[in-house]
Protein backbone atom coordinates (compact mmCIF):
# COMPACT_ATOMS: atom_id res chain seq x y z
CA UNK A 1 -3.28 -42.93 32.32
CA UNK A 2 -5.29 -45.36 34.44
CA UNK A 3 -5.48 -44.33 38.07
CA UNK A 4 -4.50 -46.96 40.64
CA UNK A 5 -7.22 -48.01 43.08
CA UNK A 6 -6.64 -46.45 46.55
CA UNK A 7 -6.82 -49.89 48.14
CA UNK A 8 -3.56 -50.78 46.41
CA UNK A 9 -1.63 -48.21 48.42
CA UNK A 10 -0.67 -51.00 50.84
CA UNK A 11 1.08 -53.13 48.19
CA UNK A 12 4.44 -54.25 49.60
CA UNK A 13 4.04 -52.24 52.82
CA UNK A 14 5.15 -55.20 54.95
CA UNK A 15 7.49 -57.05 52.59
CA UNK A 16 8.50 -57.39 48.95
CA UNK A 17 8.44 -61.21 49.05
CA UNK A 18 5.47 -61.37 46.67
CA UNK A 19 6.32 -58.28 44.65
CA UNK A 20 5.34 -58.73 40.99
CA UNK A 21 3.27 -61.84 41.79
CA UNK A 22 -0.41 -62.26 40.92
CA UNK A 23 -2.60 -64.41 43.14
CA UNK A 24 -6.15 -65.49 42.22
CA UNK A 25 -8.13 -65.70 45.47
CA UNK A 26 -10.99 -68.14 44.91
CA UNK A 27 -13.78 -67.79 47.47
CA UNK A 28 -16.49 -70.43 47.98
CA UNK A 29 -19.60 -70.66 50.15
CA UNK A 30 -18.30 -71.27 53.66
CA UNK A 31 -18.84 -68.89 56.55
CA UNK A 32 -15.06 -68.79 56.75
CA UNK A 33 -15.19 -66.43 53.77
CA UNK A 34 -15.55 -63.60 56.29
CA UNK A 35 -11.74 -63.63 56.64
CA UNK A 36 -11.09 -63.20 52.91
CA UNK A 37 -10.96 -59.37 52.81
CA UNK A 38 -8.28 -59.42 55.51
CA UNK A 39 -6.51 -62.36 53.86
CA UNK A 40 -6.42 -60.47 50.57
CA UNK A 41 -5.01 -57.38 52.28
CA UNK A 42 -2.26 -59.37 54.01
CA UNK A 43 -1.21 -60.91 50.68
CA UNK A 44 -1.12 -57.40 49.24
CA UNK A 45 1.04 -56.17 52.10
CA UNK A 46 3.52 -58.85 51.06
CA UNK A 47 3.49 -57.34 47.55
CA UNK A 48 0.98 -59.53 45.71
CA UNK A 49 -1.67 -58.36 43.26
CA UNK A 50 -4.85 -60.20 44.32
CA UNK A 51 -7.67 -61.00 41.88
CA UNK A 52 -10.86 -62.29 43.57
CA UNK A 53 -12.96 -65.07 42.02
CA UNK A 54 -16.27 -65.98 43.67
CA UNK A 55 -18.67 -68.90 43.47
CA UNK A 56 -22.44 -68.11 43.29
CA UNK A 57 -22.97 -69.16 46.92
CA UNK A 58 -20.04 -67.02 48.08
CA UNK A 59 -21.63 -64.02 46.36
CA UNK A 60 -24.81 -64.52 48.35
CA UNK A 61 -22.86 -64.58 51.60
CA UNK A 62 -20.40 -61.75 50.85
CA UNK A 63 -21.09 -58.83 48.55
CA UNK A 64 -18.48 -58.83 45.75
CA UNK A 65 -18.06 -55.09 46.32
CA UNK A 66 -16.31 -55.93 49.60
CA UNK A 67 -13.57 -57.87 47.84
CA UNK A 68 -13.29 -55.20 45.15
CA UNK A 69 -12.71 -52.67 47.93
CA UNK A 70 -10.20 -54.96 49.63
CA UNK A 71 -8.13 -55.74 46.52
CA UNK A 72 -8.76 -52.87 44.13
CA UNK A 73 -9.74 -55.46 41.49
CA UNK A 74 -13.23 -56.31 40.32
CA UNK A 75 -14.10 -59.90 41.31
CA UNK A 76 -14.82 -62.48 38.63
CA UNK A 77 -18.36 -63.63 39.40
CA UNK A 78 -19.83 -64.94 36.12
CA UNK A 79 -19.20 -67.67 33.59
CA UNK A 80 -20.14 -65.66 30.52
CA UNK A 81 -18.84 -64.74 27.11
CA UNK A 82 -16.04 -62.65 28.62
CA UNK A 83 -14.47 -65.87 29.99
CA UNK A 84 -12.53 -63.74 32.48
CA UNK A 85 -11.44 -66.82 34.39
CA UNK A 86 -9.48 -68.10 31.37
CA UNK A 87 -7.65 -64.77 31.03
CA UNK A 88 -6.07 -65.52 34.42
CA UNK A 89 -4.36 -68.60 33.02
CA UNK A 90 -3.03 -67.19 29.76
CA UNK A 91 -0.51 -64.65 28.44
CA UNK A 92 0.01 -61.35 30.29
CA UNK A 93 -2.96 -61.88 32.60
CA UNK A 94 -1.65 -65.22 33.87
CA UNK A 95 -1.57 -65.52 37.64
CA UNK A 96 1.36 -67.04 39.52
CA UNK A 97 -0.78 -68.98 41.99
CA UNK A 98 -4.41 -69.93 42.63
CA UNK A 99 -5.55 -69.96 46.26
CA UNK A 100 -8.92 -71.49 47.11
CA UNK A 101 -9.80 -70.13 50.55
CA UNK A 102 -12.13 -71.19 51.95
CA UNK A 103 -12.72 -74.45 50.07
CA UNK A 104 -15.95 -76.31 50.86
CA UNK A 105 -16.52 -80.06 50.70
CA UNK A 106 -18.66 -79.42 47.62
CA UNK A 107 -15.90 -77.50 45.82
CA UNK A 108 -13.25 -80.08 46.69
CA UNK A 109 -15.51 -82.83 45.35
CA UNK A 110 -16.14 -80.94 42.10
CA UNK A 111 -12.44 -80.33 41.53
CA UNK A 112 -11.61 -84.00 42.14
CA UNK A 113 -14.31 -85.00 39.64
CA UNK A 114 -13.46 -82.36 37.02
CA UNK A 115 -16.82 -80.60 37.32
CA UNK A 116 -16.76 -77.13 35.77
CA UNK A 117 -19.85 -75.15 36.82
CA UNK A 118 -18.67 -72.03 38.70
CA UNK A 119 -16.04 -69.35 38.07
CA UNK A 120 -13.98 -70.98 40.85
CA UNK A 121 -14.00 -74.52 39.49
CA UNK A 122 -13.47 -73.24 35.93
CA UNK A 123 -10.41 -71.23 36.95
CA UNK A 124 -8.89 -74.01 39.05
CA UNK A 125 -9.26 -76.63 36.32
CA UNK A 126 -7.81 -74.27 33.71
CA UNK A 127 -4.98 -73.29 36.06
CA UNK A 128 -4.07 -76.93 36.64
CA UNK A 129 -3.79 -77.55 32.91
CA UNK A 130 -1.68 -74.40 32.57
CA UNK A 131 0.80 -75.55 35.21
CA UNK A 132 -0.14 -72.88 37.75
CA UNK A 133 0.35 -73.97 41.39
CA UNK A 134 -2.87 -74.39 43.38
CA UNK A 135 -3.27 -74.12 47.16
CA UNK A 136 -6.48 -75.19 48.89
CA UNK A 137 -7.56 -74.17 52.41
CA UNK A 138 -10.53 -76.35 53.46
CA UNK A 139 -13.22 -75.15 55.88
CA UNK A 140 -16.23 -77.21 56.96
CA UNK A 141 -17.71 -79.16 59.87
CA UNK A 142 -15.38 -81.90 61.06
CA UNK A 143 -17.95 -84.62 60.35
CA UNK A 144 -17.92 -83.48 56.72
CA UNK A 145 -14.15 -83.15 56.60
CA UNK A 146 -13.83 -86.74 57.90
CA UNK A 147 -16.31 -88.13 55.37
CA UNK A 148 -14.46 -90.90 53.47
CA UNK A 149 -15.26 -89.50 50.02
CA UNK A 150 -13.87 -86.11 51.05
CA UNK A 151 -10.67 -87.72 52.30
CA UNK A 152 -10.41 -89.64 49.02
CA UNK A 153 -10.96 -86.45 47.02
CA UNK A 154 -8.25 -84.61 48.97
CA UNK A 155 -5.83 -87.49 48.40
CA UNK A 156 -6.70 -87.59 44.70
CA UNK A 157 -6.02 -83.86 44.34
CA UNK A 158 -2.76 -84.17 46.29
CA UNK A 159 -1.58 -86.82 43.85
CA UNK A 160 -2.33 -84.39 41.03
CA UNK A 161 -0.08 -81.80 42.68
CA UNK A 162 -2.62 -79.69 44.56
CA UNK A 163 -1.33 -78.48 47.93
CA UNK A 164 -3.55 -78.33 51.01
CA UNK A 165 -3.26 -75.93 53.94
CA UNK A 166 -4.45 -78.02 56.85
CA UNK A 167 -7.48 -76.73 58.79
CA UNK A 168 -7.58 -76.24 62.56
CA UNK A 169 -9.68 -78.90 64.28
CA UNK A 170 -11.60 -77.00 66.97
CA UNK A 171 -15.08 -77.16 68.50
CA UNK A 172 -16.18 -79.91 66.15
CA UNK A 173 -15.14 -77.89 63.11
CA UNK A 174 -12.39 -78.12 60.55
CA UNK A 175 -11.79 -74.37 60.67
CA UNK A 176 -9.84 -72.59 57.99
CA UNK A 177 -6.16 -72.13 58.84
CA UNK A 178 -5.08 -68.84 60.37
CA UNK A 179 -4.45 -66.00 57.91
CA UNK A 180 -0.77 -65.96 58.87
CA UNK A 181 -0.45 -69.65 57.98
CA UNK A 182 -2.18 -69.18 54.63
CA UNK A 183 -0.02 -66.20 53.69
CA UNK A 184 3.12 -68.10 54.68
CA UNK A 185 2.03 -71.07 52.53
CA UNK A 186 1.67 -68.74 49.54
CA UNK A 187 5.07 -67.16 50.18
CA UNK A 188 6.79 -70.53 50.55
CA UNK A 189 5.22 -71.84 47.35
CA UNK A 190 6.33 -68.82 45.33
CA UNK A 191 9.86 -68.46 46.76
CA UNK A 192 12.70 -69.63 44.50
CA UNK A 193 14.09 -72.89 45.89
CA UNK A 194 17.83 -72.22 45.71
CA UNK A 195 18.66 -74.00 48.99
CA UNK A 196 17.16 -77.42 48.28
CA UNK A 197 19.51 -80.14 49.52
CA UNK A 198 21.25 -77.87 52.03
CA UNK A 199 21.27 -78.78 55.72
CA UNK A 200 21.35 -75.60 57.78
CA UNK A 201 21.91 -75.18 61.52
CA UNK A 202 20.84 -71.85 63.05
CA UNK A 203 20.96 -70.47 66.58
CA UNK A 204 18.65 -67.69 67.72
CA UNK A 205 17.50 -65.85 70.82
CA UNK A 206 19.33 -64.90 74.03
CA UNK A 207 20.82 -67.21 76.64
CA UNK A 208 20.47 -67.17 80.41
CA UNK A 209 23.34 -67.42 82.88
CA UNK A 210 22.00 -68.24 86.34
CA UNK A 211 23.03 -66.19 89.37
CA UNK A 212 20.72 -68.32 91.53
CA UNK A 213 17.72 -70.51 90.61
CA UNK A 214 15.58 -67.37 90.01
CA UNK A 215 17.88 -64.59 88.82
CA UNK A 216 19.79 -64.58 85.53
CA UNK A 217 22.25 -62.58 83.45
CA UNK A 218 20.92 -62.13 79.92
CA UNK A 219 20.34 -59.53 77.21
CA UNK A 220 17.41 -57.95 75.37
CA UNK A 221 17.44 -60.23 72.30
CA UNK A 222 13.99 -61.34 71.10
CA UNK A 223 15.34 -63.93 68.65
CA UNK A 224 13.66 -62.17 65.72
CA UNK A 225 16.76 -61.95 63.51
CA UNK A 226 17.65 -65.62 63.82
CA UNK A 227 14.02 -66.65 63.36
CA UNK A 228 13.83 -64.51 60.20
CA UNK A 229 16.91 -66.29 58.79
CA UNK A 230 15.46 -69.71 59.66
CA UNK A 231 12.16 -68.82 58.00
CA UNK A 232 13.87 -67.53 54.85
CA UNK A 233 16.02 -70.68 54.61
CA UNK A 234 12.91 -72.88 54.90
CA UNK A 235 11.13 -70.87 52.22
CA UNK A 236 14.08 -71.47 49.93
CA UNK A 237 13.97 -75.22 50.44
CA UNK A 238 16.67 -75.85 53.06
CA UNK A 239 16.41 -78.47 55.78
CA UNK A 240 16.69 -76.35 58.91
CA UNK A 241 17.46 -77.14 62.54
CA UNK A 242 16.93 -74.27 64.95
CA UNK A 243 18.63 -74.16 68.35
CA UNK A 244 16.58 -71.59 70.23
CA UNK A 245 17.25 -69.76 73.46
CA UNK A 246 14.44 -68.17 75.50
CA UNK A 247 13.35 -65.70 72.83
CA UNK A 248 9.93 -64.08 72.50
CA UNK A 249 9.32 -64.70 68.78
CA UNK A 250 7.52 -67.87 67.75
CA UNK A 251 9.68 -70.23 65.64
CA UNK A 252 8.51 -71.26 62.15
CA UNK A 253 6.30 -74.33 61.89
CA UNK A 254 7.44 -77.68 60.54
CA UNK A 255 11.10 -77.44 61.50
CA UNK A 256 13.25 -79.16 64.09
CA UNK A 257 13.60 -76.90 67.15
CA UNK A 258 15.91 -77.61 70.08
CA UNK A 259 15.13 -75.36 73.05
CA UNK A 260 17.97 -74.36 75.37
CA UNK A 261 18.52 -71.78 78.12
CA UNK A 262 22.20 -71.35 78.91
CA UNK A 263 25.20 -70.70 76.68
CA UNK A 264 26.64 -74.05 77.76
CA UNK A 265 23.44 -75.83 76.72
CA UNK A 266 23.46 -74.02 73.37
CA UNK A 267 27.11 -74.91 72.78
CA UNK A 268 26.47 -78.56 73.64
CA UNK A 269 23.46 -78.67 71.29
CA UNK A 270 25.40 -77.06 68.42
CA UNK A 271 28.43 -79.32 68.77
CA UNK A 272 26.24 -82.40 69.15
CA UNK A 273 24.34 -81.56 65.96
CA UNK A 274 27.55 -80.92 64.02
CA UNK A 275 28.94 -84.27 65.15
CA UNK A 276 25.76 -86.16 64.27
CA UNK A 277 24.82 -84.50 60.98
CA UNK A 278 26.55 -83.20 57.87
CA UNK A 279 25.56 -79.55 57.98
CA UNK A 280 26.53 -77.43 54.99
CA UNK A 281 25.89 -74.15 56.80
CA UNK A 282 25.89 -72.96 60.41
CA UNK A 283 24.57 -69.46 61.19
CA UNK A 284 25.19 -68.41 64.78
CA UNK A 285 22.62 -65.61 65.09
CA UNK A 286 21.95 -66.10 68.82
CA UNK A 287 22.87 -63.30 71.21
CA UNK A 288 24.64 -65.48 73.74
CA UNK A 289 25.58 -64.09 77.14
CA UNK A 290 29.30 -63.27 77.14
CA UNK A 291 29.82 -63.90 80.86
CA UNK A 292 28.59 -66.38 83.44
CA UNK A 293 29.00 -66.48 87.24
CA UNK A 294 31.96 -68.58 88.34
CA UNK A 295 29.95 -69.96 91.27
CA UNK A 296 26.18 -69.64 90.90
CA UNK A 297 24.14 -69.98 94.08
CA UNK A 298 22.13 -73.18 94.62
CA UNK A 299 19.36 -71.34 96.45
CA UNK A 300 17.69 -67.96 96.05
CA UNK A 301 19.84 -65.23 97.51
CA UNK A 302 17.77 -63.47 100.15
CA UNK A 303 17.78 -59.68 100.10
CA UNK A 304 16.95 -59.81 103.82
CA UNK A 305 20.26 -61.47 104.61
CA UNK A 306 22.46 -60.00 101.86
CA UNK A 307 23.13 -56.26 101.84
CA UNK A 308 25.76 -56.45 99.08
CA UNK A 309 26.14 -59.17 96.44
CA UNK A 310 29.49 -59.52 94.71
CA UNK A 311 29.56 -61.62 91.55
CA UNK A 312 32.66 -63.02 89.91
CA UNK A 313 32.15 -63.64 86.19
CA UNK A 314 34.07 -65.62 83.62
CA UNK A 315 33.73 -65.58 79.80
CA UNK A 316 31.41 -68.10 78.18
CA UNK A 317 32.49 -70.41 75.39
CA UNK A 318 32.76 -68.95 71.85
CA UNK A 319 30.40 -71.27 70.04
CA UNK A 320 31.41 -70.37 66.47
CA UNK A 321 35.08 -71.03 67.21
CA UNK A 322 34.35 -74.49 68.63
CA UNK A 323 31.93 -75.22 65.79
CA UNK A 324 34.57 -74.52 63.13
CA UNK A 325 37.06 -76.74 64.94
CA UNK A 326 34.70 -79.67 65.12
CA UNK A 327 33.24 -79.28 61.61
CA UNK A 328 35.82 -77.49 59.42
CA UNK A 329 33.93 -78.18 56.17
CA UNK A 330 30.79 -76.44 57.42
CA UNK A 331 30.45 -72.84 56.22
CA UNK A 332 30.18 -70.87 59.47
CA UNK A 333 28.60 -67.42 59.82
CA UNK A 334 28.99 -65.51 63.07
CA UNK A 335 27.16 -62.48 64.45
CA UNK A 336 28.64 -59.65 66.48
CA UNK A 337 26.70 -56.89 68.27
CA UNK A 338 28.47 -53.71 69.35
CA UNK A 339 27.35 -50.44 70.90
CA UNK A 340 27.82 -46.91 69.55
CA UNK A 341 30.84 -47.40 67.31
CA UNK A 342 31.76 -45.79 64.01
CA UNK A 343 31.34 -47.94 60.89
CA UNK A 344 35.11 -48.39 60.73
CA UNK A 345 35.37 -49.55 64.36
CA UNK A 346 32.42 -51.90 63.95
CA UNK A 347 33.91 -53.51 60.85
CA UNK A 348 37.34 -53.81 62.49
CA UNK A 349 36.04 -55.49 65.65
CA UNK A 350 33.86 -57.87 63.67
CA UNK A 351 36.77 -58.76 61.40
CA UNK A 352 39.01 -59.47 64.39
CA UNK A 353 36.37 -61.84 65.75
CA UNK A 354 36.10 -63.56 62.36
CA UNK A 355 39.88 -64.07 62.25
CA UNK A 356 40.20 -65.27 65.85
CA UNK A 357 37.38 -67.78 65.40
CA UNK A 358 38.57 -68.81 61.91
CA UNK A 359 35.04 -68.59 60.52
CA UNK A 360 33.93 -67.80 56.98
CA UNK A 361 31.68 -64.75 57.32
CA UNK A 362 30.47 -62.42 60.07
CA UNK A 363 27.44 -60.17 60.39
CA UNK A 364 27.89 -57.09 62.58
CA UNK A 365 25.43 -54.53 63.88
CA UNK A 366 25.49 -51.62 66.30
CA UNK A 367 22.58 -51.90 68.74
CA UNK A 368 23.23 -48.36 69.93
CA UNK A 369 21.83 -46.99 66.67
CA UNK A 370 18.20 -45.98 66.24
CA UNK A 371 15.81 -48.86 65.42
CA UNK A 372 18.67 -51.37 65.13
CA UNK A 373 18.97 -54.77 66.75
CA UNK A 374 17.41 -56.10 69.93
CA UNK A 375 13.60 -56.09 70.10
CA UNK A 376 13.21 -53.98 66.95
CA UNK A 377 11.62 -55.31 63.78
CA UNK A 378 14.38 -53.60 61.79
CA UNK A 379 18.13 -53.93 61.59
CA UNK A 380 21.19 -52.50 59.85
CA UNK A 381 24.15 -54.80 59.33
CA UNK A 382 27.60 -55.11 57.84
CA UNK A 383 28.64 -58.45 56.36
CA UNK A 384 32.40 -59.00 56.39
CA UNK A 385 34.36 -61.82 54.73
CA UNK A 386 37.84 -63.30 55.27
CA UNK A 387 39.46 -60.70 53.00
CA UNK A 388 37.82 -57.89 54.96
CA UNK A 389 35.51 -57.12 52.07
CA UNK A 390 32.22 -55.90 53.43
CA UNK A 391 28.66 -55.18 52.36
CA UNK A 392 26.45 -52.74 54.22
CA UNK A 393 22.75 -53.54 54.33
CA UNK A 394 20.93 -50.31 55.28
CA UNK A 395 18.09 -50.19 57.80
CA UNK A 396 15.31 -52.56 56.74
CA UNK A 397 12.89 -55.09 58.19
CA UNK A 398 14.68 -58.14 59.57
CA UNK A 399 12.91 -60.38 57.04
CA UNK A 400 14.56 -58.40 54.22
CA UNK A 401 17.92 -58.43 56.04
CA UNK A 402 17.64 -62.23 56.34
CA UNK A 403 17.03 -62.59 52.60
CA UNK A 404 20.06 -60.48 51.75
CA UNK A 405 22.28 -62.28 54.27
CA UNK A 406 21.41 -65.64 52.71
CA UNK A 407 21.98 -64.27 49.21
CA UNK A 408 25.53 -63.27 50.18
CA UNK A 409 26.15 -66.55 52.03
CA UNK A 410 25.11 -68.57 48.98
CA UNK A 411 27.35 -66.42 46.77
CA UNK A 412 30.31 -67.08 49.07
CA UNK A 413 29.50 -70.81 49.09
CA UNK A 414 29.46 -70.79 45.28
CA UNK A 415 25.80 -71.84 45.13
CA UNK A 416 24.38 -68.56 43.86
CA UNK A 417 25.78 -66.24 41.22
CA UNK A 418 26.78 -62.83 42.51
CA UNK A 419 24.20 -60.19 41.70
CA UNK A 420 25.31 -57.49 39.29
CA UNK A 421 25.66 -54.02 40.79
């Protein structure tokens, strides 16, 4: 029995999004190749098997042994009788995606002209003819990137179906995109597009309720759960609008984001969007403040003059309830956080909220449990429907929770077949 390379111990340690996928990482002669060992490892942490392919110049700049250590796979470095590069485009050895990172001006030009003279160009040309998706991450000086022939070559390859991961323009360079951006581009390309054509509205993050211009009532939400759902929906092809409170997690790129602070602002933004657009799905994942001062102060309350501060609070608007009233055809998913309840109590309270708001589905969690909810990267949730049927999703990373939530939502909407148990 063949022993697995120790470097593969990290496979799927961060996520299973690329589990079972094979990615050919094609490395060419740019100094940006110094990031490729880390890039390979991050793809592996998402579950991908990474096979390195190196141009002759890349081999001079980075010892192939480094990429073998990083991936656990011997790099393809020769165009010889073994024709290893062709094995990556055929039968059981076929890769799911080819990633050229970094891609030099020279390599881009060769690909646009059909020149086959390195293991990298040979693999890419063969992959194209085999229908394998190809992503290219350019890296070069900006004056070279802006050269008209290079722009023409990029446009020519785009028309053929090649996808480009835009470089960062800094310090006179067209620097290779950040590793996080490259990994996300790979994940998006390989995710099944079962939400194409769906318009999705999502709220995320906490809200502030002002006591005075400086002090607020809020909660510990980071926005991570809502952001994870937005990211998963984008990966699956949905058109997403995110209404985001003052969370700490960066929203996904290339989506419409409306930033708000207070519950009233969030409610206004949600209702405005539902009036203006035909949303198929609204997921209210934000942890909105439940109470707001009846009379907030216009100026900072001085502790020198105030020995005791009494606040009178009133409930804030229930956004999901108003959303369902204004857009009854939209499938509405609510969220409910509780603290230190039994499973039965948690399900009951969530179900009562679902019924009172007349929404379609509700996701409940208990933030009093270990590693669950606010500010954690993990969560444990119950998903309850109108008939009080529920599904428990055990403790997992929020990215995995988001995937499972959307699977169940699509099943309830009749878009996705229910998975067999």
